[in-house]
């Protein structure tokens, strides 16, 4: 098995689990942090898969995710700032 693919699998399994736990439980700020961290880990996993498979389309997808994920976090933060606590 290719080392890039093995690294991507370990990151996906080991890294996204705690992000899901953060995203499902706790207060809103912790959930938002879990979402942002999950997007970052997913972008890294997609870059590793692009390297392992030699497909440039995965690289494009990872770079799009890396650009859009912080913007999505800002939108959610703006949405949550207007809520009454």
PDB file of N, CA and C in Angstrom:
ATOM      1  N   UNK A   1       0.845  -1.185   0.000  1.00  0.00           N
ATOM      2  CA  UNK A   1       0.000   0.000   0.000  1.00  0.00           C
ATOM      3  C   UNK A   1       0.887   1.243   0.000  1.00  0.00           C
ATOM      4  N   UNK A   2       0.464   2.231  -0.705  1.00  0.00           N
ATOM      5  CA  UNK A   2       1.215   3.465  -0.827  1.00  0.00           C
ATOM      6  C   UNK A   2       1.256   4.202   0.514  1.00  0.00           C
ATOM      7  N   UNK A   3       2.392   4.798   0.852  1.00  0.00           N
ATOM      8  CA  UNK A   3       2.542   5.495   2.126  1.00  0.00           C
ATOM      9  C   UNK A   3       1.638   6.723   2.206  1.00  0.00           C
ATOM     10  N   UNK A   4       1.393   7.387   1.070  1.00  0.00           N
ATOM     11  CA  UNK A   4       0.509   8.549   1.077  1.00  0.00           C
ATOM     12  C   UNK A   4      -0.909   8.144   1.445  1.00  0.00           C
ATOM     13  N   UNK A   5      -1.347   7.019   0.901  1.00  0.00           N
ATOM     14  CA  UNK A   5      -2.708   6.565   1.172  1.00  0.00           C
ATOM     15  C   UNK A   5      -2.867   6.109   2.619  1.00  0.00           C
ATOM     16  N   UNK A   6      -1.849   5.465   3.134  1.00  0.00           N
ATOM     17  CA  UNK A   6      -1.890   5.029   4.523  1.00  0.00           C
ATOM     18  C   UNK A   6      -1.928   6.228   5.467  1.00  0.00           C
ATOM     19  N   UNK A   7      -1.145   7.245   5.172  1.00  0.00           N
ATOM     20  CA  UNK A   7      -1.150   8.456   5.989  1.00  0.00           C
ATOM     21  C   UNK A   7      -2.504   9.146   5.921  1.00  0.00           C
ATOM     22  N   UNK A   8      -3.104   9.195   4.745  1.00  0.00           N
ATOM     23  CA  UNK A   8      -4.426   9.811   4.602  1.00  0.00           C
ATOM     24  C   UNK A   8      -5.474   9.051   5.392  1.00  0.00           C
ATOM     25  N   UNK A   9      -5.397   7.720   5.360  1.00  0.00           N
ATOM     26  CA  UNK A   9      -6.365   6.913   6.105  1.00  0.00           C
ATOM     27  C   UNK A   9      -6.217   7.113   7.609  1.00  0.00           C
ATOM     28  N   UNK A  10      -4.990   7.158   8.099  1.00  0.00           N
ATOM     29  CA  UNK A  10      -4.756   7.361   9.533  1.00  0.00           C
ATOM     30  C   UNK A  10      -5.252   8.741   9.960  1.00  0.00           C
ATOM     31  N   UNK A  11      -4.976   9.761   9.160  1.00  0.00           N
ATOM     32  CA  UNK A  11      -5.450  11.105   9.485  1.00  0.00           C
ATOM     33  C   UNK A  11      -6.974  11.181   9.464  1.00  0.00           C
ATOM     34  N   UNK A  12      -7.574  10.554   8.484  1.00  0.00           N
ATOM     35  CA  UNK A  12      -9.032  10.607   8.380  1.00  0.00           C
ATOM     36  C   UNK A  12      -9.691   9.912   9.565  1.00  0.00           C
ATOM     37  N   UNK A  13      -9.192   8.744   9.923  1.00  0.00           N
ATOM     38  CA  UNK A  13      -9.796   7.986  11.021  1.00  0.00           C
ATOM     39  C   UNK A  13      -9.453   8.602  12.374  1.00  0.00           C
ATOM     40  N   UNK A  14      -8.177   8.905  12.575  1.00  0.00           N
ATOM     41  CA  UNK A  14      -7.750   9.412  13.875  1.00  0.00           C
ATOM     42  C   UNK A  14      -8.046  10.874  14.104  1.00  0.00           C
ATOM     43  N   UNK A  15      -8.111  11.659  13.049  1.00  0.00           N
ATOM     44  CA  UNK A  15      -8.294  13.089  13.210  1.00  0.00           C
ATOM     45  C   UNK A  15      -9.739  13.552  13.170  1.00  0.00           C
ATOM     46  N   UNK A  16     -10.564  12.880  12.384  1.00  0.00           N
ATOM     47  CA  UNK A  16     -11.938  13.324  12.253  1.00  0.00           C
ATOM     48  C   UNK A  16     -12.832  12.845  13.394  1.00  0.00           C
ATOM     49  N   UNK A  17     -12.428  11.800  14.091  1.00  0.00           N
ATOM     50  CA  UNK A  17     -13.220  11.304  15.229  1.00  0.00           C
ATOM     51  C   UNK A  17     -13.382  12.341  16.329  1.00  0.00           C
ATOM     52  N   UNK A  18     -12.286  12.902  16.838  1.00  0.00           N
ATOM     53  CA  UNK A  18     -12.431  13.952  17.864  1.00  0.00           C
ATOM     54  C   UNK A  18     -13.161  15.191  17.342  1.00  0.00           C
ATOM     55  N   UNK A  19     -13.009  15.501  16.066  1.00  0.00           N
ATOM     56  CA  UNK A  19     -13.728  16.652  15.508  1.00  0.00           C
ATOM     57  C   UNK A  19     -15.235  16.409  15.522  1.00  0.00           C
ATOM     58  N   UNK A  20     -15.632  15.185  15.225  1.00  0.00           N
ATOM     59  CA  UNK A  20     -17.053  14.854  15.276  1.00  0.00           C
ATOM     60  C   UNK A  20     -17.588  14.930  16.694  1.00  0.00           C
ATOM     61  N   UNK A  21     -16.804  14.476  17.653  1.00  0.00           N
ATOM     62  CA  UNK A  21     -17.226  14.581  19.046  1.00  0.00           C
ATOM     63  C   UNK A  21     -17.361  16.040  19.469  1.00  0.00           C
ATOM     64  N   UNK A  22     -16.426  16.874  19.058  1.00  0.00           N
ATOM     65  CA  UNK A  22     -16.521  18.306  19.355  1.00  0.00           C
ATOM     66  C   UNK A  22     -17.741  18.918  18.674  1.00  0.00           C
ATOM     67  N   UNK A  23     -18.003  18.501  17.468  1.00  0.00           N
ATOM     68  CA  UNK A  23     -19.116  19.069  16.716  1.00  0.00           C
ATOM     69  C   UNK A  23     -20.482  18.648  17.201  1.00  0.00           C
ATOM     70  N   UNK A  24     -20.561  17.520  17.874  1.00  0.00           N
ATOM     71  CA  UNK A  24     -21.859  17.018  18.320  1.00  0.00           C
ATOM     72  C   UNK A  24     -22.214  17.404  19.748  1.00  0.00           C
ATOM     73  N   UNK A  25     -21.232  17.673  20.568  1.00  0.00           N
ATOM     74  CA  UNK A  25     -21.489  17.938  21.985  1.00  0.00           C
ATOM     75  C   UNK A  25     -20.832  19.243  22.401  1.00  0.00           C
ATOM     76  N   UNK A  26     -21.387  19.845  23.423  1.00  0.00           N
ATOM     77  CA  UNK A  26     -20.764  21.034  23.980  1.00  0.00           C
ATOM     78  C   UNK A  26     -21.438  22.312  23.535  1.00  0.00           C
ATOM     79  N   UNK A  27     -20.790  23.413  23.885  1.00  0.00           N
ATOM     80  CA  UNK A  27     -21.357  24.711  23.554  1.00  0.00           C
ATOM     81  C   UNK A  27     -21.059  25.072  22.107  1.00  0.00           C
ATOM     82  N   UNK A  28     -21.665  26.141  21.671  1.00  0.00           N
ATOM     83  CA  UNK A  28     -21.628  26.508  20.256  1.00  0.00           C
ATOM     84  C   UNK A  28     -20.208  26.810  19.783  1.00  0.00           C
ATOM     85  N   UNK A  29     -19.405  27.479  20.598  1.00  0.00           N
ATOM     86  CA  UNK A  29     -18.052  27.832  20.180  1.00  0.00           C
ATOM     87  C   UNK A  29     -17.194  26.585  19.968  1.00  0.00           C
ATOM     88  N   UNK A  30     -17.377  25.588  20.816  1.00  0.00           N
ATOM     89  CA  UNK A  30     -16.624  24.336  20.654  1.00  0.00           C
ATOM     90  C   UNK A  30     -17.075  23.584  19.402  1.00  0.00           C
ATOM     91  N   UNK A  31     -18.344  23.614  19.112  1.00  0.00           N
ATOM     92  CA  UNK A  31     -18.848  22.973  17.900  1.00  0.00           C
ATOM     93  C   UNK A  31     -18.277  23.634  16.652  1.00  0.00           C
ATOM     94  N   UNK A  32     -18.220  24.957  16.684  1.00  0.00           N
ATOM     95  CA  UNK A  32     -17.669  25.694  15.553  1.00  0.00           C
ATOM     96  C   UNK A  32     -16.184  25.398  15.366  1.00  0.00           C
ATOM     97  N   UNK A  33     -15.463  25.280  16.468  1.00  0.00           N
ATOM     98  CA  UNK A  33     -14.041  24.920  16.384  1.00  0.00           C
ATOM     99  C   UNK A  33     -13.869  23.512  15.817  1.00  0.00           C
ATOM    100  N   UNK A  34     -14.735  22.585  16.218  1.00  0.00           N
ATOM    101  CA  UNK A  34     -14.689  21.229  15.673  1.00  0.00           C
ATOM    102  C   UNK A  34     -14.964  21.196  14.183  1.00  0.00           C
ATOM    103  N   UNK A  35     -15.902  22.007  13.737  1.00  0.00           N
ATOM    104  CA  UNK A  35     -16.213  22.090  12.313  1.00  0.00           C
ATOM    105  C   UNK A  35     -15.024  22.635  11.523  1.00  0.00           C
ATOM    106  N   UNK A  36     -14.401  23.676  12.040  1.00  0.00           N
ATOM    107  CA  UNK A  36     -13.262  24.285  11.355  1.00  0.00           C
ATOM    108  C   UNK A  36     -12.073  23.319  11.299  1.00  0.00           C
ATOM    109  N   UNK A  37     -11.825  22.620  12.401  1.00  0.00           N
ATOM    110  CA  UNK A  37     -10.728  21.651  12.425  1.00  0.00           C
ATOM    111  C   UNK A  37     -11.012  20.473  11.491  1.00  0.00           C
ATOM    112  N   UNK A  38     -12.253  20.033  11.420  1.00  0.00           N
ATOM    113  CA  UNK A  38     -12.611  18.942  10.509  1.00  0.00           C
ATOM    114  C   UNK A  38     -12.391  19.340   9.055  1.00  0.00           C
ATOM    115  N   UNK A  39     -12.696  20.580   8.711  1.00  0.00           N
ATOM    116  CA  UNK A  39     -12.467  21.044   7.339  1.00  0.00           C
ATOM    117  C   UNK A  39     -10.981  21.070   7.016  1.00  0.00           C
ATOM    118  N   UNK A  40     -10.164  21.479   7.984  1.00  0.00           N
ATOM    119  CA  UNK A  40      -8.724  21.509   7.766  1.00  0.00           C
ATOM    120  C   UNK A  40      -8.166  20.104   7.582  1.00  0.00           C
ATOM    121  N   UNK A  41      -8.585  19.178   8.421  1.00  0.00           N
ATOM    122  CA  UNK A  41      -8.111  17.796   8.309  1.00  0.00           C
ATOM    123  C   UNK A  41      -8.572  17.179   6.993  1.00  0.00           C
ATOM    124  N   UNK A  42      -9.798  17.471   6.583  1.00  0.00           N
ATOM    125  CA  UNK A  42     -10.300  16.938   5.320  1.00  0.00           C
ATOM    126  C   UNK A  42      -9.493  17.472   4.140  1.00  0.00           C
ATOM    127  N   UNK A  43      -9.117  18.737   4.186  1.00  0.00           N
ATOM    128  CA  UNK A  43      -8.294  19.300   3.105  1.00  0.00           C
ATOM    129  C   UNK A  43      -6.938  18.608   3.047  1.00  0.00           C
ATOM    130  N   UNK A  44      -6.335  18.344   4.214  1.00  0.00           N
ATOM    131  CA  UNK A  44      -5.039  17.656   4.241  1.00  0.00           C
ATOM    132  C   UNK A  44      -5.181  16.225   3.718  1.00  0.00           C
ATOM    133  N   UNK A  45      -6.242  15.551   4.100  1.00  0.00           N
ATOM    134  CA  UNK A  45      -6.473  14.180   3.619  1.00  0.00           C
ATOM    135  C   UNK A  45      -6.651  14.174   2.101  1.00  0.00           C
ATOM    136  N   UNK A  46      -7.388  15.141   1.564  1.00  0.00           N
ATOM    137  CA  UNK A  46      -7.562  15.211   0.116  1.00  0.00           C
ATOM    138  C   UNK A  46      -6.248  15.493  -0.606  1.00  0.00           C
ATOM    139  N   UNK A  47      -5.395  16.326  -0.027  1.00  0.00           N
ATOM    140  CA  UNK A  47      -4.081  16.557  -0.631  1.00  0.00           C
ATOM    141  C   UNK A  47      -3.226  15.297  -0.625  1.00  0.00           C
ATOM    142  N   UNK A  48      -3.295  14.542   0.471  1.00  0.00           N
ATOM    143  CA  UNK A  48      -2.537  13.286   0.523  1.00  0.00           C
ATOM    144  C   UNK A  48      -3.076  12.268  -0.476  1.00  0.00           C
ATOM    145  N   UNK A  49      -4.392  12.209  -0.622  1.00  0.00           N
ATOM    146  CA  UNK A  49      -4.981  11.301  -1.612  1.00  0.00           C
ATOM    147  C   UNK A  49      -4.614  11.723  -3.034  1.00  0.00           C
ATOM    148  N   UNK A  50      -4.565  13.023  -3.280  1.00  0.00           N
ATOM    149  CA  UNK A  50      -4.148  13.504  -4.604  1.00  0.00           C
ATOM    150  C   UNK A  50      -2.720  13.088  -4.906  1.00  0.00           C
ATOM    151  N   UNK A  51      -1.872  13.160  -3.899  1.00  0.00           N
ATOM    152  CA  UNK A  51      -0.480  12.748  -4.084  1.00  0.00           C
ATOM    153  C   UNK A  51      -0.385  11.230  -4.291  1.00  0.00           C
ATOM    154  N   UNK A  52      -1.171  10.495  -3.524  1.00  0.00           N
ATOM    155  CA  UNK A  52      -1.114   9.035  -3.612  1.00  0.00           C
ATOM    156  C   UNK A  52      -1.656   8.492  -4.928  1.00  0.00           C
ATOM    157  N   UNK A  53      -2.765   9.060  -5.397  1.00  0.00           N
ATOM    158  CA  UNK A  53      -3.376   8.584  -6.632  1.00  0.00           C
ATOM    159  C   UNK A  53      -2.850   9.304  -7.874  1.00  0.00           C
ATOM    160  N   UNK A  54      -2.158  10.417  -7.679  1.00  0.00           N
ATOM    161  CA  UNK A  54      -1.655  11.182  -8.813  1.00  0.00           C
ATOM    162  C   UNK A  54      -2.750  11.882  -9.589  1.00  0.00           C
ATOM    163  N   UNK A  55      -3.796  12.322  -8.913  1.00  0.00           N
ATOM    164  CA  UNK A  55      -4.936  12.983  -9.558  1.00  0.00           C
ATOM    165  C   UNK A  55      -4.972  14.450  -9.162  1.00  0.00           C
ATOM    166  N   UNK A  56      -4.907  15.334 -10.130  1.00  0.00           N
ATOM    167  CA  UNK A  56      -4.903  16.765  -9.831  1.00  0.00           C
ATOM    168  C   UNK A  56      -6.277  17.284  -9.426  1.00  0.00           C
ATOM    169  N   UNK A  57      -7.336  16.576  -9.787  1.00  0.00           N
ATOM    170  CA  UNK A  57      -8.668  17.048  -9.413  1.00  0.00           C
ATOM    171  C   UNK A  57      -8.856  17.019  -7.899  1.00  0.00           C
ATOM    172  N   UNK A  58      -8.224  16.075  -7.207  1.00  0.00           N
ATOM    173  CA  UNK A  58      -8.296  16.048  -5.746  1.00  0.00           C
ATOM    174  C   UNK A  58      -7.564  17.245  -5.150  1.00  0.00           C
ATOM    175  N   UNK A  59      -6.496  17.666  -5.783  1.00  0.00           N
ATOM    176  CA  UNK A  59      -5.777  18.840  -5.307  1.00  0.00           C
ATOM    177  C   UNK A  59      -6.640  20.088  -5.448  1.00  0.00           C
ATOM    178  N   UNK A  60      -7.333  20.216  -6.574  1.00  0.00           N
ATOM    179  CA  UNK A  60      -8.226  21.355  -6.770  1.00  0.00           C
ATOM    180  C   UNK A  60      -9.327  21.371  -5.718  1.00  0.00           C
ATOM    181  N   UNK A  61      -9.882  20.216  -5.430  1.00  0.00           N
ATOM    182  CA  UNK A  61     -10.935  20.120  -4.428  1.00  0.00           C
ATOM    183  C   UNK A  61     -10.411  20.492  -3.042  1.00  0.00           C
ATOM    184  N   UNK A  62      -9.224  20.032  -2.705  1.00  0.00           N
ATOM    185  CA  UNK A  62      -8.640  20.347  -1.398  1.00  0.00           C
ATOM    186  C   UNK A  62      -8.356  21.838  -1.267  1.00  0.00           C
ATOM    187  N   UNK A  63      -7.867  22.459  -2.329  1.00  0.00           N
ATOM    188  CA  UNK A  63      -7.586  23.891  -2.283  1.00  0.00           C
ATOM    189  C   UNK A  63      -8.873  24.708  -2.210  1.00  0.00           C
ATOM    190  N   UNK A  64      -9.915  24.267  -2.907  1.00  0.00           N
ATOM    191  CA  UNK A  64     -11.212  24.938  -2.792  1.00  0.00           C
ATOM    192  C   UNK A  64     -11.752  24.841  -1.375  1.00  0.00           C
ATOM    193  N   UNK A  65     -11.641  23.676  -0.783  1.00  0.00           N
ATOM    194  CA  UNK A  65     -12.095  23.487   0.596  1.00  0.00           C
ATOM    195  C   UNK A  65     -11.287  24.344   1.562  1.00  0.00           C
ATOM    196  N   UNK A  66      -9.995  24.441   1.343  1.00  0.00           N
ATOM    197  CA  UNK A  66      -9.148  25.244   2.228  1.00  0.00           C
ATOM    198  C   UNK A  66      -9.507  26.722   2.147  1.00  0.00           C
ATOM    199  N   UNK A  67      -9.980  27.182   0.998  1.00  0.00           N
ATOM    200  CA  UNK A  67     -10.362  28.586   0.852  1.00  0.00           C
ATOM    201  C   UNK A  67     -11.773  28.837   1.393  1.00  0.00           C
ATOM    202  N   UNK A  68     -12.692  27.905   1.151  1.00  0.00           N
ATOM    203  CA  UNK A  68     -14.083  28.133   1.517  1.00  0.00           C
ATOM    204  C   UNK A  68     -14.410  27.800   2.972  1.00  0.00           C
ATOM    205  N   UNK A  69     -13.649  26.931   3.609  1.00  0.00           N
ATOM    206  CA  UNK A  69     -13.957  26.535   4.983  1.00  0.00           C
ATOM    207  C   UNK A  69     -13.863  27.702   5.970  1.00  0.00           C
ATOM    208  N   UNK A  70     -12.815  28.525   5.940  1.00  0.00           N
ATOM    209  CA  UNK A  70     -12.804  29.671   6.860  1.00  0.00           C
ATOM    210  C   UNK A  70     -13.932  30.670   6.569  1.00  0.00           C
ATOM    211  N   UNK A  71     -14.300  30.826   5.306  1.00  0.00           N
ATOM    212  CA  UNK A  71     -15.414  31.709   4.973  1.00  0.00           C
ATOM    213  C   UNK A  71     -16.715  31.158   5.554  1.00  0.00           C
ATOM    214  N   UNK A  72     -16.896  29.855   5.488  1.00  0.00           N
ATOM    215  CA  UNK A  72     -18.071  29.236   6.094  1.00  0.00           C
ATOM    216  C   UNK A  72     -18.092  29.407   7.602  1.00  0.00           C
ATOM    217  N   UNK A  73     -16.929  29.323   8.219  1.00  0.00           N
ATOM    218  CA  UNK A  73     -16.837  29.538   9.657  1.00  0.00           C
ATOM    219  C   UNK A  73     -17.230  30.965  10.017  1.00  0.00           C
ATOM    220  N   UNK A  74     -16.799  31.921   9.210  1.00  0.00           N
ATOM    221  CA  UNK A  74     -17.177  33.318   9.457  1.00  0.00           C
ATOM    222  C   UNK A  74     -18.677  33.535   9.288  1.00  0.00           C
ATOM    223  N   UNK A  75     -19.281  32.871   8.324  1.00  0.00           N
ATOM    224  CA  UNK A  75     -20.725  32.988   8.125  1.00  0.00           C
ATOM    225  C   UNK A  75     -21.466  32.415   9.319  1.00  0.00           C
ATOM    226  N   UNK A  76     -21.053  31.235   9.796  1.00  0.00           N
ATOM    227  CA  UNK A  76     -21.696  30.648  10.968  1.00  0.00           C
ATOM    228  C   UNK A  76     -21.505  31.518  12.199  1.00  0.00           C
ATOM    229  N   UNK A  77     -20.333  32.104  12.354  1.00  0.00           N
ATOM    230  CA  UNK A  77     -20.061  32.969  13.494  1.00  0.00           C
ATOM    231  C   UNK A  77     -20.959  34.203  13.442  1.00  0.00           C
ATOM    232  N   UNK A  78     -21.094  34.766  12.270  1.00  0.00           N
ATOM    233  CA  UNK A  78     -21.985  35.930  12.108  1.00  0.00           C
ATOM    234  C   UNK A  78     -23.424  35.552  12.416  1.00  0.00           C
ATOM    235  N   UNK A  79     -23.848  34.381  11.972  1.00  0.00           N
ATOM    236  CA  UNK A  79     -25.197  33.911  12.238  1.00  0.00           C
ATOM    237  C   UNK A  79     -25.425  33.713  13.736  1.00  0.00           C
ATOM    238  N   UNK A  80     -24.444  33.121  14.402  1.00  0.00           N
ATOM    239  CA  UNK A  80     -24.588  32.846  15.828  1.00  0.00           C
ATOM    240  C   UNK A  80     -24.461  34.104  16.671  1.00  0.00           C
ATOM    241  N   UNK A  81     -23.796  35.133  16.183  1.00  0.00           N
ATOM    242  CA  UNK A  81     -23.626  36.365  16.949  1.00  0.00           C
ATOM    243  C   UNK A  81     -24.961  37.092  17.090  1.00  0.00           C
ATOM    244  N   UNK A  82     -25.857  36.929  16.166  1.00  0.00           N
ATOM    245  CA  UNK A  82     -27.151  37.587  16.239  1.00  0.00           C
ATOM    246  C   UNK A  82     -28.147  36.886  17.133  1.00  0.00           C
ATOM    247  N   UNK A  83     -27.826  35.698  17.590  1.00  0.00           N
ATOM    248  CA  UNK A  83     -28.740  34.916  18.438  1.00  0.00           C
ATOM    249  C   UNK A  83     -28.731  35.410  19.865  1.00  0.00           C
ATOM    250  N   UNK A  84     -29.868  35.320  20.509  1.00  0.00           N
ATOM    251  CA  UNK A  84     -29.962  35.624  21.937  1.00  0.00           C
ATOM    252  C   UNK A  84     -29.483  34.422  22.720  1.00  0.00           C
ATOM    253  N   UNK A  85     -28.690  34.660  23.753  1.00  0.00           N
ATOM    254  CA  UNK A  85     -28.172  33.560  24.569  1.00  0.00           C
ATOM    255  C   UNK A  85     -28.960  33.427  25.834  1.00  0.00           C
TER     256      UNK A  85
END
